[in-house]
Amino acid sequence: MDIELRGIAAPGGWPADGCRCASCGRLRAAGVRHEPANALLDGVPVKDLPFTEVPGGRDVTAPGGGRALMASGPGAVPEPVPGVRYDAVLLDLAGSPEHLGSLRRAGAVTAGTRVIAVHVDHRMPSPAELERRTAFWLRPQDGPFRTLLLGGSRSGKSAEAELRLAGCPDVLYVATGPVRGDDPEWSARVDAHRSRRPDWWRTAETTDLAGVLASASGAVLVDGIGTWLAAAMDEAGAWDDASRVLPALDALVEAWRGTAARVVAVSDEVGLSLVPATPSGRAFRDMLGLVNQRLAAESEEAALVVAGRVVELP
């Protein structure tokens, strides 16, 4: 199927008239405008092609017989016709990137499907950010491929990790932190993380991270390395002698190096924080800095997340 895009934006265009947000401001400053979404399939405008209405959009048949699934507008998540494998999908990836994962899970989107973002507007910070995110969503769904995301508290690193795997049909979310049913604030944090994730993602609450990495083959999100290390130091009795945790650290790095999975792991960047006041705190900081370095050395990608913005590390 030949696809010619005449526009990718939401109905009001991007930037939107009169909008003072940063996204629209960036485009105006650059003299760039994206017109409302419009496409030709095999040389014929989409509006002139036969289609079937589906919840959230249309199933369109191109002159050459190809099938395309199209979102009807911003926020729409079109349902596929059962049994159809689409040649192309035109989706609101700015608003619902996880919809791509659900279509892959249903078999409607395959490795041969062309995936196009439409109805883009100021929900996306910039065209460059759209390109960056789309590259993650179009990446092969399996590994081996390792990504380490570093950041401080509330930096947005967990949200970035979830975003990178949003297009995957199946994700194992590995929660390495303790269950704190008696801590309302901690429970609220856990609930906030869970509400962002697609409901078909699987969850494993475990500190056996090396075992998970050794057996997994699909997409895995690890959140996070710091809580894993705290548990490992407890188990090894390493708070008074940090060297006792080194065998566990070595096993984790070996499993990370040898995994067949596509892994995104979240960890705390300790180099920008205050020096801990206690010997055990300093031991934890030093060990976490070491494990971050060793995992980064064995990763295809590493990035630092600051105030929700991402700096890729060479």
Protein backbone atom coordinates (compact mmCIF):
# COMPACT_ATOMS: atom_id res chain seq x y z
CA MET A 1 0.00 0.00 0.00
CA ASP A 2 1.32 3.43 -0.97
CA ILE A 3 0.60 6.11 1.65
CA GLU A 4 1.02 9.82 1.07
CA LEU A 5 0.52 12.05 4.11
CA ARG A 6 -0.86 15.52 3.51
CA GLY A 7 -1.00 16.35 7.22
CA ILE A 8 -0.57 14.70 10.65
CA ALA A 9 -2.11 17.21 13.08
CA ALA A 10 -5.33 17.37 15.06
CA PRO A 11 -8.31 19.13 13.43
CA GLY A 12 -7.15 22.59 14.58
CA GLY A 13 -3.64 22.08 13.22
CA TRP A 14 -0.40 22.23 15.15
CA PRO A 15 0.31 24.88 16.44
CA ALA A 16 -3.27 25.64 17.36
CA ASP A 17 -4.50 29.16 16.65
CA GLY A 18 -4.23 31.37 19.73
CA CYS A 19 -2.64 28.69 21.90
CA ARG A 20 0.17 29.97 24.14
CA CYS A 21 1.55 26.61 25.28
CA ALA A 22 5.24 25.81 24.90
CA SER A 23 4.63 23.16 22.23
CA CYS A 24 2.76 25.55 19.97
CA GLY A 25 5.22 28.32 20.78
CA ARG A 26 8.18 26.22 19.67
CA LEU A 27 6.60 25.55 16.30
CA ARG A 28 5.68 29.19 15.73
CA ALA A 29 9.21 30.29 16.60
CA ALA A 30 10.56 27.81 14.04
CA GLY A 31 8.03 28.89 11.41
CA VAL A 32 6.57 25.37 11.24
CA ARG A 33 2.92 24.37 10.93
CA HIS A 34 1.42 20.90 10.59
CA GLU A 35 -1.92 20.65 8.82
CA PRO A 36 -4.81 18.46 10.02
CA ALA A 37 -4.42 14.74 9.38
CA ASN A 38 -5.08 13.78 5.77
CA ALA A 39 -3.75 10.91 3.68
CA LEU A 40 -3.92 9.32 0.26
CA LEU A 41 -3.92 5.54 0.02
CA ASP A 42 -2.72 4.29 -3.37
CA GLY A 43 -3.23 7.83 -4.64
CA VAL A 44 -6.85 8.19 -3.50
CA PRO A 45 -7.96 10.46 -0.63
CA VAL A 46 -9.03 8.48 2.40
CA LYS A 47 -12.43 10.21 2.45
CA ASP A 48 -13.20 8.76 -1.01
CA LEU A 49 -12.37 5.15 -0.14
CA PRO A 50 -14.76 2.42 1.04
CA PHE A 51 -14.71 1.92 4.78
CA THR A 52 -16.34 0.19 7.68
CA GLU A 53 -17.11 2.17 10.82
CA VAL A 54 -15.50 0.67 13.91
CA PRO A 55 -15.58 2.02 17.46
CA GLY A 56 -13.07 4.87 17.53
CA GLY A 57 -12.42 5.09 13.79
CA ARG A 58 -12.58 3.41 10.40
CA ASP A 59 -11.38 0.26 8.68
CA VAL A 60 -10.47 1.53 5.20
CA THR A 61 -9.82 -0.51 2.05
CA ALA A 62 -7.31 0.93 -0.42
CA PRO A 63 -7.64 0.53 -4.21
CA GLY A 64 -4.94 -2.14 -4.18
CA GLY A 65 -6.79 -4.16 -1.55
CA GLY A 66 -4.69 -3.10 1.44
CA ARG A 67 -6.41 -2.43 4.76
CA ALA A 68 -5.81 0.52 7.07
CA LEU A 69 -7.16 1.22 10.55
CA MET A 70 -7.61 4.93 11.22
CA ALA A 71 -8.36 6.80 14.44
CA SER A 72 -11.28 9.21 14.06
CA GLY A 73 -9.67 12.01 16.03
CA PRO A 74 -7.60 12.96 19.08
CA GLY A 75 -8.26 10.56 21.94
CA ALA A 76 -9.85 7.92 19.71
CA VAL A 77 -8.67 4.30 20.02
CA PRO A 78 -10.09 2.42 17.01
CA GLU A 79 -10.96 -1.22 17.50
CA PRO A 80 -9.72 -3.60 14.80
CA VAL A 81 -11.99 -5.83 12.79
CA PRO A 82 -11.49 -9.34 14.21
CA GLY A 83 -9.08 -11.44 12.20
CA VAL A 84 -7.70 -8.56 10.09
CA ARG A 85 -3.97 -7.92 9.92
CA TYR A 86 -3.59 -4.34 8.83
CA ASP A 87 -1.17 -3.04 6.25
CA ALA A 88 -1.19 0.33 7.97
CA VAL A 89 -2.53 1.94 11.14
CA LEU A 90 -2.92 5.69 11.60
CA LEU A 91 -3.23 6.24 15.33
CA ASP A 92 -3.29 8.94 18.01
CA LEU A 93 0.11 7.97 19.40
CA ALA A 94 0.44 11.34 21.13
CA GLY A 95 -2.47 10.50 23.40
CA SER A 96 -2.60 6.71 23.53
CA PRO A 97 0.70 5.03 22.60
CA GLU A 98 -0.35 1.96 24.56
CA HIS A 99 -3.09 1.42 21.95
CA LEU A 100 -0.35 0.28 19.58
CA GLY A 101 0.62 -2.37 22.12
CA SER A 102 -2.97 -3.58 22.37
CA LEU A 103 -3.25 -3.85 18.57
CA ARG A 104 -0.04 -5.88 18.47
CA ARG A 105 -1.38 -8.05 21.26
CA ALA A 106 -4.55 -8.68 19.24
CA GLY A 107 -2.52 -9.57 16.13
CA ALA A 108 -3.94 -6.64 14.15
CA VAL A 109 -0.50 -4.99 13.88
CA THR A 110 2.43 -7.12 12.77
CA ALA A 111 6.07 -6.51 11.90
CA GLY A 112 4.94 -5.65 8.37
CA THR A 113 2.37 -3.02 9.41
CA ARG A 114 3.21 0.60 8.75
CA VAL A 115 2.56 2.65 11.90
CA ILE A 116 1.82 6.37 11.49
CA ALA A 117 1.08 9.00 14.13
CA VAL A 118 -1.87 11.28 13.29
CA HIS A 119 -4.00 13.83 15.15
CA VAL A 120 -0.79 15.16 16.70
CA ASP A 121 -1.12 18.38 18.69
CA HIS A 122 0.33 20.11 21.72
CA ARG A 123 -0.01 16.99 23.83
CA MET A 124 3.34 16.25 22.17
CA PRO A 125 6.11 18.67 23.23
CA SER A 126 7.67 18.92 19.78
CA PRO A 127 8.14 17.14 16.44
CA ALA A 128 11.56 16.02 17.66
CA GLU A 129 9.97 14.41 20.71
CA LEU A 130 7.42 12.67 18.48
CA GLU A 131 10.27 11.26 16.41
CA ARG A 132 12.15 10.16 19.55
CA ARG A 133 9.17 8.35 21.00
CA THR A 134 8.11 6.79 17.72
CA ALA A 135 11.56 5.25 17.38
CA PHE A 136 10.98 3.35 20.64
CA TRP A 137 7.52 2.17 19.62
CA LEU A 138 8.70 0.91 16.21
CA ARG A 139 11.73 -0.91 17.60
CA PRO A 140 11.69 -4.75 17.46
CA GLN A 141 9.64 -5.98 20.37
CA ASP A 142 12.08 -8.63 21.59
CA GLY A 143 15.66 -8.44 22.84
CA PRO A 144 18.33 -8.64 23.70
CA PHE A 145 18.36 -4.89 24.24
CA ARG A 146 19.14 -3.17 27.52
CA THR A 147 18.28 0.38 28.62
CA LEU A 148 19.25 1.97 31.95
CA LEU A 149 17.35 5.10 32.99
CA LEU A 150 18.85 7.21 35.77
CA GLY A 151 17.30 10.11 37.62
CA GLY A 152 16.60 11.67 40.98
CA SER A 153 13.44 11.39 43.04
CA ARG A 154 10.34 12.49 41.11
CA SER A 155 12.43 13.12 38.00
CA GLY A 156 10.01 11.27 35.70
CA LYS A 157 12.28 8.29 35.12
CA SER A 158 9.57 5.69 35.78
CA ALA A 159 7.16 7.41 33.41
CA GLU A 160 9.89 7.50 30.75
CA ALA A 161 10.50 3.77 31.22
CA GLU A 162 6.80 3.02 30.79
CA LEU A 163 6.64 5.27 27.73
CA ARG A 164 9.50 3.44 26.02
CA LEU A 165 7.69 0.10 26.28
CA ALA A 166 4.16 1.40 25.58
CA GLY A 167 4.07 -0.12 22.09
CA CYS A 168 4.93 -3.64 23.25
CA PRO A 169 2.21 -6.31 23.19
CA ASP A 170 3.32 -7.88 26.47
CA VAL A 171 5.41 -6.39 29.27
CA LEU A 172 6.54 -7.90 32.55
CA TYR A 173 6.72 -5.16 35.17
CA VAL A 174 9.18 -6.18 37.90
CA ALA A 175 8.58 -4.35 41.16
CA THR A 176 11.61 -4.83 43.39
CA GLY A 177 10.30 -2.70 46.28
CA PRO A 178 8.73 -4.04 49.48
CA VAL A 179 4.98 -4.25 49.96
CA ARG A 180 4.02 -1.58 52.51
CA GLY A 181 0.36 -2.05 53.21
CA ASP A 182 0.60 0.03 56.40
CA ASP A 183 2.05 3.10 54.63
CA PRO A 184 -0.70 5.13 52.88
CA GLU A 185 1.78 7.45 51.15
CA TRP A 186 3.73 4.52 49.69
CA SER A 187 0.49 2.80 48.65
CA ALA A 188 -0.58 5.99 46.84
CA ARG A 189 2.71 6.01 44.92
CA VAL A 190 2.27 2.37 43.92
CA ASP A 191 -1.31 3.01 42.81
CA ALA A 192 -0.22 6.00 40.71
CA HIS A 193 2.37 3.87 38.92
CA ARG A 194 -0.12 1.06 38.39
CA SER A 195 -2.78 3.37 36.95
CA ARG A 196 -0.35 4.54 34.22
CA ARG A 197 0.33 1.02 33.03
CA PRO A 198 -1.87 -0.86 30.52
CA ASP A 199 -4.02 -3.42 32.29
CA TRP A 200 -2.59 -6.30 30.24
CA TRP A 201 0.92 -5.77 31.59
CA ARG A 202 1.97 -8.50 33.97
CA THR A 203 3.50 -7.72 37.38
CA ALA A 204 6.08 -9.63 39.38
CA GLU A 205 7.00 -8.51 42.90
CA THR A 206 10.40 -10.05 43.49
CA THR A 207 13.97 -9.31 44.43
CA ASP A 208 15.24 -12.26 42.34
CA LEU A 209 16.09 -9.91 39.51
CA ALA A 210 18.90 -12.07 38.14
CA GLY A 211 16.47 -14.98 37.86
CA VAL A 212 13.91 -12.89 36.01
CA LEU A 213 16.49 -11.61 33.52
CA ALA A 214 17.83 -15.09 32.93
CA SER A 215 14.41 -16.52 32.04
CA ALA A 216 12.64 -13.61 30.31
CA SER A 217 12.53 -13.20 26.53
CA GLY A 218 10.03 -10.41 25.86
CA ALA A 219 9.82 -6.88 27.26
CA VAL A 220 10.71 -6.31 30.92
CA LEU A 221 10.51 -3.12 32.97
CA VAL A 222 12.48 -3.11 36.23
CA ASP A 223 11.56 -0.51 38.83
CA GLY A 224 13.99 -0.25 40.37
CA ILE A 225 17.62 -1.06 40.96
CA GLY A 226 17.87 0.95 44.21
CA THR A 227 15.18 -1.05 46.00
CA TRP A 228 16.72 -4.27 44.68
CA LEU A 229 20.09 -3.25 46.14
CA ALA A 230 18.58 -2.41 49.53
CA ALA A 231 16.99 -5.87 49.67
CA ALA A 232 20.24 -7.51 48.55
CA MET A 233 22.20 -5.69 51.26
CA ASP A 234 19.65 -6.81 53.85
CA GLU A 235 19.93 -10.42 52.71
CA ALA A 236 23.73 -10.34 52.67
CA GLY A 237 24.03 -8.46 55.97
CA ALA A 238 26.09 -5.91 54.06
CA TRP A 239 25.18 -2.69 55.85
CA ASP A 240 28.30 -2.95 58.04
CA ASP A 241 30.47 -4.50 55.31
CA ALA A 242 29.34 -3.55 51.82
CA SER A 243 31.69 -6.07 50.19
CA ARG A 244 29.30 -8.84 51.25
CA VAL A 245 26.82 -7.73 48.58
CA LEU A 246 29.34 -7.94 45.73
CA PRO A 247 28.46 -11.55 44.77
CA ALA A 248 24.81 -10.55 44.32
CA LEU A 249 25.88 -7.52 42.31
CA ASP A 250 28.11 -9.72 40.12
CA ALA A 251 25.22 -12.15 39.53
CA LEU A 252 22.90 -9.30 38.52
CA VAL A 253 25.39 -7.86 36.05
CA GLU A 254 26.00 -11.30 34.55
CA ALA A 255 22.25 -11.86 34.10
CA TRP A 256 21.87 -8.37 32.61
CA ARG A 257 24.67 -9.09 30.14
CA GLY A 258 23.23 -12.48 29.17
CA THR A 259 19.51 -11.71 29.05
CA ALA A 260 17.48 -12.37 25.90
CA ALA A 261 14.87 -9.77 26.93
CA ARG A 262 14.26 -6.19 25.94
CA VAL A 263 14.84 -4.61 29.36
CA VAL A 264 14.32 -1.09 30.61
CA ALA A 265 15.54 -0.62 34.18
CA VAL A 266 15.10 2.42 36.42
CA SER A 267 17.72 3.45 38.96
CA ASP A 268 18.50 6.44 41.16
CA GLU A 269 21.36 8.71 40.17
CA VAL A 270 23.31 9.11 43.41
CA GLY A 271 26.08 11.45 42.26
CA LEU A 272 24.00 14.63 42.61
CA SER A 273 22.69 14.05 46.14
CA LEU A 274 24.01 15.06 49.56
CA VAL A 275 26.63 12.89 51.23
CA PRO A 276 24.71 10.52 53.54
CA ALA A 277 25.21 11.19 57.24
CA THR A 278 25.64 7.54 58.27
CA PRO A 279 28.20 4.89 57.31
CA SER A 280 25.42 2.57 56.10
CA GLY A 281 23.98 5.34 53.97
CA ARG A 282 27.36 6.00 52.41
CA ALA A 283 27.85 2.28 51.79
CA PHE A 284 24.51 2.10 49.99
CA ARG A 285 25.34 5.18 47.91
CA ASP A 286 28.70 3.75 46.90
CA MET A 287 27.25 0.34 45.96
CA LEU A 288 24.41 1.90 43.97
CA GLY A 289 26.86 4.08 42.10
CA LEU A 290 28.89 0.97 41.32
CA VAL A 291 25.96 -1.09 40.09
CA ASN A 292 24.78 1.83 37.95
CA GLN A 293 28.18 2.05 36.32
CA ARG A 294 28.39 -1.65 35.67
CA LEU A 295 24.88 -1.94 34.24
CA ALA A 296 25.42 1.13 32.05
CA ALA A 297 28.61 -0.42 30.67
CA GLU A 298 26.55 -3.46 29.56
CA SER A 299 23.65 -1.44 28.11
CA GLU A 300 22.87 -0.48 24.54
CA GLU A 301 21.26 2.71 25.91
CA ALA A 302 21.57 4.82 29.03
CA ALA A 303 19.82 8.10 29.75
CA LEU A 304 19.44 10.66 32.52
CA VAL A 305 15.95 12.00 33.29
CA VAL A 306 15.76 15.49 34.80
CA ALA A 307 12.46 17.31 35.41
CA GLY A 308 10.75 14.97 32.94
CA ARG A 309 13.25 15.70 30.19
CA VAL A 310 15.63 13.07 28.88
CA VAL A 311 19.34 13.37 28.19
CA GLU A 312 20.70 10.39 26.26
CA LEU A 313 24.13 9.31 27.56
CA PRO A 314 26.70 8.31 24.92
